[in-house]
Amino acid sequence: MVEAPRVHYRSCMPRRRIVTIILALALAACGHRVPSVSEREAALEARLLAPCCWVQTLDSHQSPRASELRAEIRQRLTRGEPADRIEADLVARYGERLRAVPAGLDVEAMGALMFAFAALASTAILIWRTRLVARRPAATGSTSGDEDAELAARLDDDLDALD
């Protein structure tokens, strides 16, 4: 009877590690993609106010000046210019007032911060309300006839004492 050669588990380990590393690198590469020009354009337009009214951002404002700035942003991004350089140039032209979001602050981070603050405030209110309810004396659902008679007698005695 001929025995089959024995394959040791440890001999397969290097191959498994290599396959795992390759898969991990492939997944990491898929997760980090470069945003398209239209995505970068939309993000930049959402960060800047329209200089004609200083109320709406460029992505939602409808005026000739806002349309010109949107076209300029699109051209510059298409040519490969970084969004932060375009933003810095426009802020140099129109002033810091052009920024809808302060410099260095990420809109997503600001949203996460606001969510965390709302969650913290809700938790504090819930704890405060729970403690407030716990301090109240327990209300009795119904009283017996003897207790009612006793309370009526005490009330009559107190009223007689006042006369």
N, C-alpha and C. Protein backbone atom coordinates (compact mmCIF):
# COMPACT_ATOMS: atom_id res chain seq x y z
N MET A 1 0.84 -1.17 0.00
CA MET A 1 0.00 0.00 0.00
C MET A 1 0.89 1.24 0.00
N VAL A 2 0.62 2.18 -0.93
CA VAL A 2 1.43 3.38 -1.07
C VAL A 2 0.75 4.51 -0.31
N GLU A 3 1.53 5.19 0.51
CA GLU A 3 0.98 6.31 1.29
C GLU A 3 1.11 7.61 0.50
N ALA A 4 0.11 8.43 0.65
CA ALA A 4 0.15 9.75 0.01
C ALA A 4 1.11 10.64 0.80
N PRO A 5 1.81 11.51 0.11
CA PRO A 5 2.73 12.39 0.84
C PRO A 5 1.95 13.31 1.77
N ARG A 6 2.51 13.57 2.93
CA ARG A 6 1.86 14.40 3.93
C ARG A 6 2.19 15.87 3.67
N VAL A 7 1.18 16.67 3.66
CA VAL A 7 1.36 18.10 3.49
C VAL A 7 1.23 18.74 4.87
N HIS A 8 2.23 19.44 5.25
CA HIS A 8 2.21 20.09 6.55
C HIS A 8 1.49 21.42 6.46
N TYR A 9 0.77 21.73 7.50
CA TYR A 9 0.00 22.97 7.56
C TYR A 9 0.92 24.18 7.45
N ARG A 10 2.07 24.10 8.06
CA ARG A 10 3.00 25.24 8.06
C ARG A 10 3.54 25.55 6.67
N SER A 11 3.60 24.59 5.81
CA SER A 11 4.11 24.85 4.47
C SER A 11 3.14 25.70 3.66
N CYS A 12 1.85 25.71 4.03
CA CYS A 12 0.85 26.52 3.34
C CYS A 12 0.79 27.94 3.88
N MET A 13 1.36 28.20 5.04
CA MET A 13 1.25 29.51 5.68
C MET A 13 1.81 30.65 4.83
N PRO A 14 2.99 30.53 4.25
CA PRO A 14 3.48 31.67 3.48
C PRO A 14 2.55 32.04 2.33
N ARG A 15 2.01 31.04 1.65
CA ARG A 15 1.09 31.33 0.55
C ARG A 15 -0.17 32.03 1.05
N ARG A 16 -0.69 31.58 2.17
CA ARG A 16 -1.89 32.20 2.74
C ARG A 16 -1.61 33.65 3.13
N ARG A 17 -0.47 33.88 3.71
CA ARG A 17 -0.12 35.25 4.09
C ARG A 17 0.00 36.15 2.86
N ILE A 18 0.63 35.63 1.82
CA ILE A 18 0.79 36.42 0.60
C ILE A 18 -0.57 36.74 0.00
N VAL A 19 -1.45 35.73 -0.07
CA VAL A 19 -2.79 35.95 -0.62
C VAL A 19 -3.55 36.96 0.23
N THR A 20 -3.44 36.85 1.56
CA THR A 20 -4.11 37.78 2.46
C THR A 20 -3.60 39.21 2.26
N ILE A 21 -2.31 39.36 2.14
CA ILE A 21 -1.72 40.69 1.94
C ILE A 21 -2.17 41.28 0.61
N ILE A 22 -2.18 40.47 -0.43
CA ILE A 22 -2.62 40.95 -1.75
C ILE A 22 -4.07 41.37 -1.70
N LEU A 23 -4.93 40.57 -1.06
CA LEU A 23 -6.34 40.92 -0.95
C LEU A 23 -6.53 42.21 -0.13
N ALA A 24 -5.77 42.34 0.95
CA ALA A 24 -5.88 43.54 1.77
C ALA A 24 -5.46 44.78 0.98
N LEU A 25 -4.39 44.67 0.21
CA LEU A 25 -3.94 45.80 -0.60
C LEU A 25 -4.95 46.13 -1.69
N ALA A 26 -5.54 45.12 -2.28
CA ALA A 26 -6.54 45.35 -3.33
C ALA A 26 -7.77 46.04 -2.75
N LEU A 27 -8.21 45.60 -1.59
CA LEU A 27 -9.36 46.24 -0.94
C LEU A 27 -9.04 47.68 -0.55
N ALA A 28 -7.84 47.91 -0.06
CA ALA A 28 -7.45 49.27 0.31
C ALA A 28 -7.40 50.17 -0.92
N ALA A 29 -6.91 49.64 -2.02
CA ALA A 29 -6.84 50.43 -3.25
C ALA A 29 -8.24 50.74 -3.78
N CYS A 30 -9.17 49.81 -3.64
CA CYS A 30 -10.54 50.05 -4.10
C CYS A 30 -11.25 51.07 -3.22
N GLY A 31 -10.94 51.07 -1.94
CA GLY A 31 -11.60 51.98 -1.01
C GLY A 31 -11.15 53.42 -1.17
N HIS A 32 -9.93 53.64 -1.67
CA HIS A 32 -9.41 54.99 -1.82
C HIS A 32 -9.41 55.36 -3.29
N ARG A 33 -10.46 56.06 -3.69
CA ARG A 33 -10.55 56.46 -5.09
C ARG A 33 -10.44 57.97 -5.18
N VAL A 34 -10.00 58.43 -6.29
CA VAL A 34 -9.86 59.85 -6.53
C VAL A 34 -11.22 60.41 -6.94
N PRO A 35 -11.68 61.48 -6.27
CA PRO A 35 -12.98 62.04 -6.64
C PRO A 35 -12.93 62.64 -8.05
N SER A 36 -14.06 62.57 -8.72
CA SER A 36 -14.13 63.11 -10.08
C SER A 36 -14.15 64.63 -10.04
N VAL A 37 -13.99 65.23 -11.21
CA VAL A 37 -14.00 66.70 -11.31
C VAL A 37 -15.33 67.25 -10.84
N SER A 38 -16.42 66.61 -11.22
CA SER A 38 -17.74 67.11 -10.82
C SER A 38 -17.94 67.01 -9.31
N GLU A 39 -17.39 65.97 -8.67
CA GLU A 39 -17.49 65.86 -7.21
C GLU A 39 -16.66 66.93 -6.52
N ARG A 40 -15.46 67.17 -7.02
CA ARG A 40 -14.62 68.23 -6.44
C ARG A 40 -15.23 69.60 -6.68
N GLU A 41 -15.83 69.79 -7.85
CA GLU A 41 -16.50 71.05 -8.18
C GLU A 41 -17.66 71.30 -7.22
N ALA A 42 -18.48 70.30 -7.01
CA ALA A 42 -19.63 70.43 -6.11
C ALA A 42 -19.18 70.73 -4.68
N ALA A 43 -18.11 70.08 -4.24
CA ALA A 43 -17.61 70.31 -2.88
C ALA A 43 -17.08 71.73 -2.73
N LEU A 44 -16.37 72.22 -3.72
CA LEU A 44 -15.83 73.58 -3.65
C LEU A 44 -16.94 74.62 -3.73
N GLU A 45 -17.91 74.42 -4.60
CA GLU A 45 -19.02 75.37 -4.72
C GLU A 45 -19.84 75.42 -3.45
N ALA A 46 -19.91 74.33 -2.71
CA ALA A 46 -20.65 74.31 -1.45
C ALA A 46 -19.90 75.04 -0.35
N ARG A 47 -18.59 75.23 -0.51
CA ARG A 47 -17.77 75.91 0.50
C ARG A 47 -17.70 77.41 0.31
N LEU A 48 -18.17 77.92 -0.84
CA LEU A 48 -18.01 79.35 -1.14
C LEU A 48 -19.36 80.03 -1.31
N LEU A 49 -19.45 81.26 -0.81
CA LEU A 49 -20.66 82.06 -0.96
C LEU A 49 -20.63 82.81 -2.28
N ALA A 50 -21.81 83.14 -2.78
CA ALA A 50 -21.91 83.95 -3.99
C ALA A 50 -21.56 85.39 -3.61
N PRO A 51 -20.61 86.02 -4.31
CA PRO A 51 -20.16 87.36 -3.93
C PRO A 51 -21.16 88.47 -4.25
N CYS A 52 -22.25 88.15 -4.90
CA CYS A 52 -23.23 89.18 -5.22
C CYS A 52 -24.21 89.41 -4.07
N CYS A 53 -24.45 88.39 -3.27
CA CYS A 53 -25.42 88.56 -2.18
C CYS A 53 -24.86 88.16 -0.82
N TRP A 54 -23.81 87.34 -0.78
CA TRP A 54 -23.18 86.85 0.43
C TRP A 54 -24.15 86.05 1.32
N VAL A 55 -25.18 85.47 0.71
CA VAL A 55 -26.16 84.71 1.48
C VAL A 55 -26.15 83.24 1.07
N GLN A 56 -26.28 82.95 -0.22
CA GLN A 56 -26.33 81.58 -0.71
C GLN A 56 -24.95 81.14 -1.19
N THR A 57 -24.75 79.82 -1.16
CA THR A 57 -23.49 79.29 -1.68
C THR A 57 -23.55 79.23 -3.20
N LEU A 58 -22.38 79.10 -3.81
CA LEU A 58 -22.31 79.09 -5.28
C LEU A 58 -23.10 77.95 -5.90
N ASP A 59 -23.19 76.83 -5.22
CA ASP A 59 -23.88 75.68 -5.81
C ASP A 59 -25.39 75.88 -5.92
N SER A 60 -25.96 76.80 -5.13
CA SER A 60 -27.41 76.98 -5.19
C SER A 60 -27.84 78.36 -5.69
N HIS A 61 -26.91 79.30 -5.76
CA HIS A 61 -27.27 80.66 -6.16
C HIS A 61 -27.38 80.79 -7.68
N GLN A 62 -28.40 81.50 -8.13
CA GLN A 62 -28.62 81.69 -9.57
C GLN A 62 -28.46 83.17 -9.91
N SER A 63 -27.27 83.52 -10.30
CA SER A 63 -27.00 84.88 -10.78
C SER A 63 -25.91 84.79 -11.84
N PRO A 64 -25.78 85.82 -12.67
CA PRO A 64 -24.72 85.78 -13.69
C PRO A 64 -23.32 85.65 -13.08
N ARG A 65 -23.07 86.37 -11.99
CA ARG A 65 -21.74 86.32 -11.36
C ARG A 65 -21.45 84.93 -10.80
N ALA A 66 -22.45 84.30 -10.18
CA ALA A 66 -22.27 82.95 -9.64
C ALA A 66 -22.04 81.96 -10.76
N SER A 67 -22.73 82.13 -11.88
CA SER A 67 -22.53 81.24 -13.03
C SER A 67 -21.12 81.38 -13.59
N GLU A 68 -20.61 82.61 -13.64
CA GLU A 68 -19.24 82.83 -14.11
C GLU A 68 -18.23 82.14 -13.20
N LEU A 69 -18.43 82.27 -11.88
CA LEU A 69 -17.50 81.63 -10.95
C LEU A 69 -17.58 80.11 -11.03
N ARG A 70 -18.77 79.56 -11.20
CA ARG A 70 -18.90 78.11 -11.36
C ARG A 70 -18.16 77.65 -12.62
N ALA A 71 -18.30 78.39 -13.70
CA ALA A 71 -17.61 78.03 -14.95
C ALA A 71 -16.10 78.11 -14.77
N GLU A 72 -15.63 79.14 -14.06
CA GLU A 72 -14.19 79.28 -13.81
C GLU A 72 -13.68 78.11 -12.96
N ILE A 73 -14.42 77.75 -11.93
CA ILE A 73 -14.02 76.63 -11.07
C ILE A 73 -13.95 75.35 -11.90
N ARG A 74 -14.95 75.10 -12.73
CA ARG A 74 -14.99 73.90 -13.56
C ARG A 74 -13.78 73.84 -14.50
N GLN A 75 -13.47 74.98 -15.15
CA GLN A 75 -12.32 75.03 -16.08
C GLN A 75 -11.01 74.74 -15.34
N ARG A 76 -10.83 75.37 -14.20
CA ARG A 76 -9.58 75.22 -13.47
C ARG A 76 -9.41 73.80 -12.92
N LEU A 77 -10.51 73.19 -12.46
CA LEU A 77 -10.42 71.82 -11.99
C LEU A 77 -10.15 70.87 -13.14
N THR A 78 -10.74 71.12 -14.29
CA THR A 78 -10.53 70.28 -15.47
C THR A 78 -9.07 70.34 -15.91
N ARG A 79 -8.45 71.51 -15.78
CA ARG A 79 -7.04 71.64 -16.13
C ARG A 79 -6.12 70.97 -15.12
N GLY A 80 -6.69 70.54 -13.98
CA GLY A 80 -5.88 69.82 -12.99
C GLY A 80 -5.43 70.65 -11.81
N GLU A 81 -5.91 71.86 -11.68
CA GLU A 81 -5.52 72.71 -10.56
C GLU A 81 -6.20 72.22 -9.28
N PRO A 82 -5.46 72.16 -8.18
CA PRO A 82 -6.05 71.68 -6.92
C PRO A 82 -7.15 72.61 -6.41
N ALA A 83 -8.15 72.03 -5.78
CA ALA A 83 -9.30 72.80 -5.29
C ALA A 83 -8.89 73.80 -4.22
N ASP A 84 -7.94 73.43 -3.38
CA ASP A 84 -7.54 74.37 -2.32
C ASP A 84 -6.83 75.60 -2.89
N ARG A 85 -6.11 75.44 -3.98
CA ARG A 85 -5.46 76.58 -4.62
C ARG A 85 -6.51 77.50 -5.26
N ILE A 86 -7.54 76.89 -5.88
CA ILE A 86 -8.61 77.69 -6.49
C ILE A 86 -9.34 78.46 -5.39
N GLU A 87 -9.64 77.78 -4.28
CA GLU A 87 -10.32 78.45 -3.17
C GLU A 87 -9.49 79.59 -2.62
N ALA A 88 -8.19 79.37 -2.45
CA ALA A 88 -7.31 80.43 -1.94
C ALA A 88 -7.27 81.62 -2.89
N ASP A 89 -7.24 81.37 -4.20
CA ASP A 89 -7.22 82.45 -5.18
C ASP A 89 -8.52 83.26 -5.13
N LEU A 90 -9.66 82.58 -5.07
CA LEU A 90 -10.93 83.29 -5.02
C LEU A 90 -11.09 84.07 -3.71
N VAL A 91 -10.61 83.51 -2.61
CA VAL A 91 -10.66 84.23 -1.33
C VAL A 91 -9.74 85.44 -1.38
N ALA A 92 -8.60 85.33 -2.06
CA ALA A 92 -7.71 86.49 -2.20
C ALA A 92 -8.38 87.60 -3.01
N ARG A 93 -9.19 87.22 -3.99
CA ARG A 93 -9.90 88.22 -4.80
C ARG A 93 -11.07 88.86 -4.08
N TYR A 94 -11.86 88.05 -3.36
CA TYR A 94 -13.11 88.54 -2.77
C TYR A 94 -13.07 88.70 -1.26
N GLY A 95 -12.04 88.22 -0.60
CA GLY A 95 -11.94 88.34 0.85
C GLY A 95 -12.45 87.08 1.57
N GLU A 96 -12.14 87.03 2.86
CA GLU A 96 -12.51 85.87 3.69
C GLU A 96 -14.02 85.68 3.77
N ARG A 97 -14.76 86.73 3.51
CA ARG A 97 -16.21 86.66 3.57
C ARG A 97 -16.77 85.66 2.54
N LEU A 98 -15.97 85.34 1.54
CA LEU A 98 -16.40 84.41 0.49
C LEU A 98 -16.58 82.99 1.03
N ARG A 99 -15.89 82.66 2.10
CA ARG A 99 -15.96 81.30 2.64
C ARG A 99 -17.27 81.09 3.40
N ALA A 100 -18.00 80.06 3.01
CA ALA A 100 -19.20 79.68 3.75
C ALA A 100 -18.82 78.82 4.95
N VAL A 101 -17.71 78.12 4.82
CA VAL A 101 -17.18 77.26 5.87
C VAL A 101 -15.80 77.81 6.22
N PRO A 102 -15.49 78.00 7.50
CA PRO A 102 -14.17 78.53 7.87
C PRO A 102 -13.03 77.67 7.30
N ALA A 103 -11.92 78.31 7.04
CA ALA A 103 -10.76 77.61 6.47
C ALA A 103 -10.30 76.50 7.40
N GLY A 104 -9.98 75.36 6.81
CA GLY A 104 -9.47 74.24 7.57
C GLY A 104 -10.55 73.39 8.22
N LEU A 105 -11.81 73.78 8.10
CA LEU A 105 -12.89 73.02 8.71
C LEU A 105 -13.58 72.20 7.64
N ASP A 106 -13.69 70.94 7.88
CA ASP A 106 -14.33 70.04 6.94
C ASP A 106 -15.83 69.99 7.23
N VAL A 107 -16.65 70.06 6.20
CA VAL A 107 -18.09 70.07 6.37
C VAL A 107 -18.56 68.77 7.02
N GLU A 108 -18.01 67.63 6.62
CA GLU A 108 -18.41 66.36 7.20
C GLU A 108 -18.02 66.30 8.68
N ALA A 109 -16.83 66.84 9.01
CA ALA A 109 -16.41 66.85 10.41
C ALA A 109 -17.32 67.76 11.23
N MET A 110 -17.73 68.87 10.64
CA MET A 110 -18.63 69.78 11.34
C MET A 110 -19.98 69.10 11.58
N GLY A 111 -20.48 68.35 10.61
CA GLY A 111 -21.73 67.62 10.79
C GLY A 111 -21.62 66.56 11.87
N ALA A 112 -20.49 65.86 11.90
CA ALA A 112 -20.28 64.85 12.93
C ALA A 112 -20.19 65.49 14.31
N LEU A 113 -19.55 66.65 14.39
CA LEU A 113 -19.45 67.37 15.65
C LEU A 113 -20.83 67.82 16.13
N MET A 114 -21.65 68.32 15.21
CA MET A 114 -23.00 68.74 15.59
C MET A 114 -23.84 67.55 16.04
N PHE A 115 -23.69 66.40 15.37
CA PHE A 115 -24.41 65.19 15.77
C PHE A 115 -23.98 64.77 17.17
N ALA A 116 -22.68 64.80 17.43
CA ALA A 116 -22.17 64.41 18.76
C ALA A 116 -22.71 65.35 19.83
N PHE A 117 -22.75 66.65 19.54
CA PHE A 117 -23.28 67.62 20.50
C PHE A 117 -24.75 67.36 20.76
N ALA A 118 -25.53 67.09 19.72
CA ALA A 118 -26.96 66.82 19.89
C ALA A 118 -27.18 65.54 20.70
N ALA A 119 -26.37 64.53 20.47
CA ALA A 119 -26.48 63.28 21.23
C ALA A 119 -26.13 63.52 22.69
N LEU A 120 -25.10 64.31 22.95
CA LEU A 120 -24.70 64.62 24.32
C LEU A 120 -25.79 65.42 25.03
N ALA A 121 -26.35 66.41 24.34
CA ALA A 121 -27.41 67.22 24.94
C ALA A 121 -28.66 66.37 25.22
N SER A 122 -29.01 65.49 24.31
CA SER A 122 -30.17 64.62 24.52
C SER A 122 -29.95 63.70 25.71
N THR A 123 -28.75 63.17 25.84
CA THR A 123 -28.43 62.30 26.97
C THR A 123 -28.51 63.07 28.28
N ALA A 124 -27.98 64.30 28.30
CA ALA A 124 -28.04 65.11 29.52
C ALA A 124 -29.48 65.42 29.90
N ILE A 125 -30.32 65.74 28.93
CA ILE A 125 -31.74 66.02 29.22
C ILE A 125 -32.43 64.77 29.74
N LEU A 126 -32.13 63.62 29.15
CA LEU A 126 -32.74 62.37 29.60
C LEU A 126 -32.33 62.05 31.03
N ILE A 127 -31.06 62.23 31.36
CA ILE A 127 -30.59 61.97 32.73
C ILE A 127 -31.26 62.94 33.70
N TRP A 128 -31.32 64.21 33.33
CA TRP A 128 -31.94 65.21 34.19
C TRP A 128 -33.42 64.88 34.43
N ARG A 129 -34.11 64.50 33.37
CA ARG A 129 -35.54 64.18 33.50
C ARG A 129 -35.74 62.93 34.35
N THR A 130 -34.88 61.94 34.19
CA THR A 130 -34.99 60.73 34.99
C THR A 130 -34.79 61.03 36.47
N ARG A 131 -33.81 61.87 36.78
CA ARG A 131 -33.56 62.24 38.18
C ARG A 131 -34.71 63.06 38.74
N LEU A 132 -35.28 63.93 37.91
CA LEU A 132 -36.39 64.76 38.35
C LEU A 132 -37.60 63.90 38.69
N VAL A 133 -37.89 62.92 37.86
CA VAL A 133 -39.02 62.02 38.10
C VAL A 133 -38.76 61.16 39.34
N ALA A 134 -37.51 60.75 39.55
CA ALA A 134 -37.18 59.90 40.69
C ALA A 134 -37.33 60.65 42.01
N ARG A 135 -37.18 61.97 42.02
CA ARG A 135 -37.29 62.76 43.26
C ARG A 135 -38.74 62.98 43.68
N ARG A 136 -39.66 62.90 42.76
CA ARG A 136 -41.07 63.13 43.09
C ARG A 136 -41.56 62.03 44.02
N PRO A 137 -42.41 62.43 44.97
CA PRO A 137 -42.98 61.38 45.82
C PRO A 137 -43.94 60.53 45.00
N ALA A 138 -43.98 59.28 45.34
CA ALA A 138 -44.83 58.36 44.60
C ALA A 138 -46.29 58.69 44.88
N ALA A 139 -47.06 58.87 43.84
CA ALA A 139 -48.48 59.17 43.99
C ALA A 139 -49.22 57.85 44.18
N THR A 140 -50.12 57.87 45.15
CA THR A 140 -50.90 56.66 45.38
C THR A 140 -52.04 56.63 44.42
N GLY A 141 -52.32 55.48 43.90
CA GLY A 141 -53.37 55.33 42.90
C GLY A 141 -54.75 55.59 43.47
N SER A 142 -55.08 54.98 44.59
CA SER A 142 -56.39 55.20 45.21
C SER A 142 -56.23 55.03 46.71
N THR A 143 -57.08 55.69 47.42
CA THR A 143 -57.04 55.60 48.89
C THR A 143 -58.23 54.79 49.36
N SER A 144 -58.04 54.20 50.49
CA SER A 144 -59.14 53.40 51.03
C SER A 144 -60.14 54.31 51.73
N GLY A 145 -61.26 53.78 52.06
CA GLY A 145 -62.30 54.57 52.71
C GLY A 145 -61.88 55.06 54.08
N ASP A 146 -61.10 54.26 54.82
CA ASP A 146 -60.64 54.66 56.16
C ASP A 146 -59.71 55.86 56.07
N GLU A 147 -58.81 55.84 55.07
CA GLU A 147 -57.88 56.96 54.90
C GLU A 147 -58.64 58.22 54.54
N ASP A 148 -59.69 58.12 53.69
CA ASP A 148 -60.49 59.28 53.33
C ASP A 148 -61.18 59.86 54.55
N ALA A 149 -61.72 59.03 55.36
CA ALA A 149 -62.42 59.49 56.57
C ALA A 149 -61.43 60.15 57.52
N GLU A 150 -60.25 59.57 57.63
CA GLU A 150 -59.22 60.14 58.51
C GLU A 150 -58.77 61.51 58.01
N LEU A 151 -58.55 61.63 56.69
CA LEU A 151 -58.16 62.92 56.12
C LEU A 151 -59.26 63.96 56.29
N ALA A 152 -60.52 63.56 56.12
CA ALA A 152 -61.65 64.49 56.29
C ALA A 152 -61.72 64.96 57.74
N ALA A 153 -61.49 64.06 58.67
CA ALA A 153 -61.53 64.44 60.09
C ALA A 153 -60.40 65.41 60.42
N ARG A 154 -59.20 65.15 59.90
CA ARG A 154 -58.07 66.07 60.15
C ARG A 154 -58.34 67.43 59.55
N LEU A 155 -58.94 67.46 58.34
CA LEU A 155 -59.26 68.72 57.70
C LEU A 155 -60.29 69.50 58.53
N ASP A 156 -61.29 68.81 59.05
CA ASP A 156 -62.29 69.48 59.89
C ASP A 156 -61.64 70.03 61.15
N ASP A 157 -60.76 69.25 61.77
CA ASP A 157 -60.06 69.73 62.98
C ASP A 157 -59.22 70.97 62.68
N ASP A 158 -58.51 70.96 61.56
CA ASP A 158 -57.67 72.11 61.20
C ASP A 158 -58.52 73.34 60.91
N LEU A 159 -59.65 73.15 60.26
CA LEU A 159 -60.55 74.28 59.96
C LEU A 159 -61.18 74.82 61.24
N ASP A 160 -61.54 73.94 62.17
CA ASP A 160 -62.09 74.38 63.48
C ASP A 160 -61.04 75.16 64.26
N ALA A 161 -59.77 74.75 64.13
CA ALA A 161 -58.70 75.43 64.87
C ALA A 161 -58.49 76.85 64.32
N LEU A 162 -58.75 77.01 63.04
CA LEU A 162 -58.58 78.34 62.44
C LEU A 162 -59.70 79.30 62.87
N ASP A 163 -60.86 78.80 63.19
CA ASP A 163 -62.01 79.66 63.58
C ASP A 163 -61.80 80.11 64.95
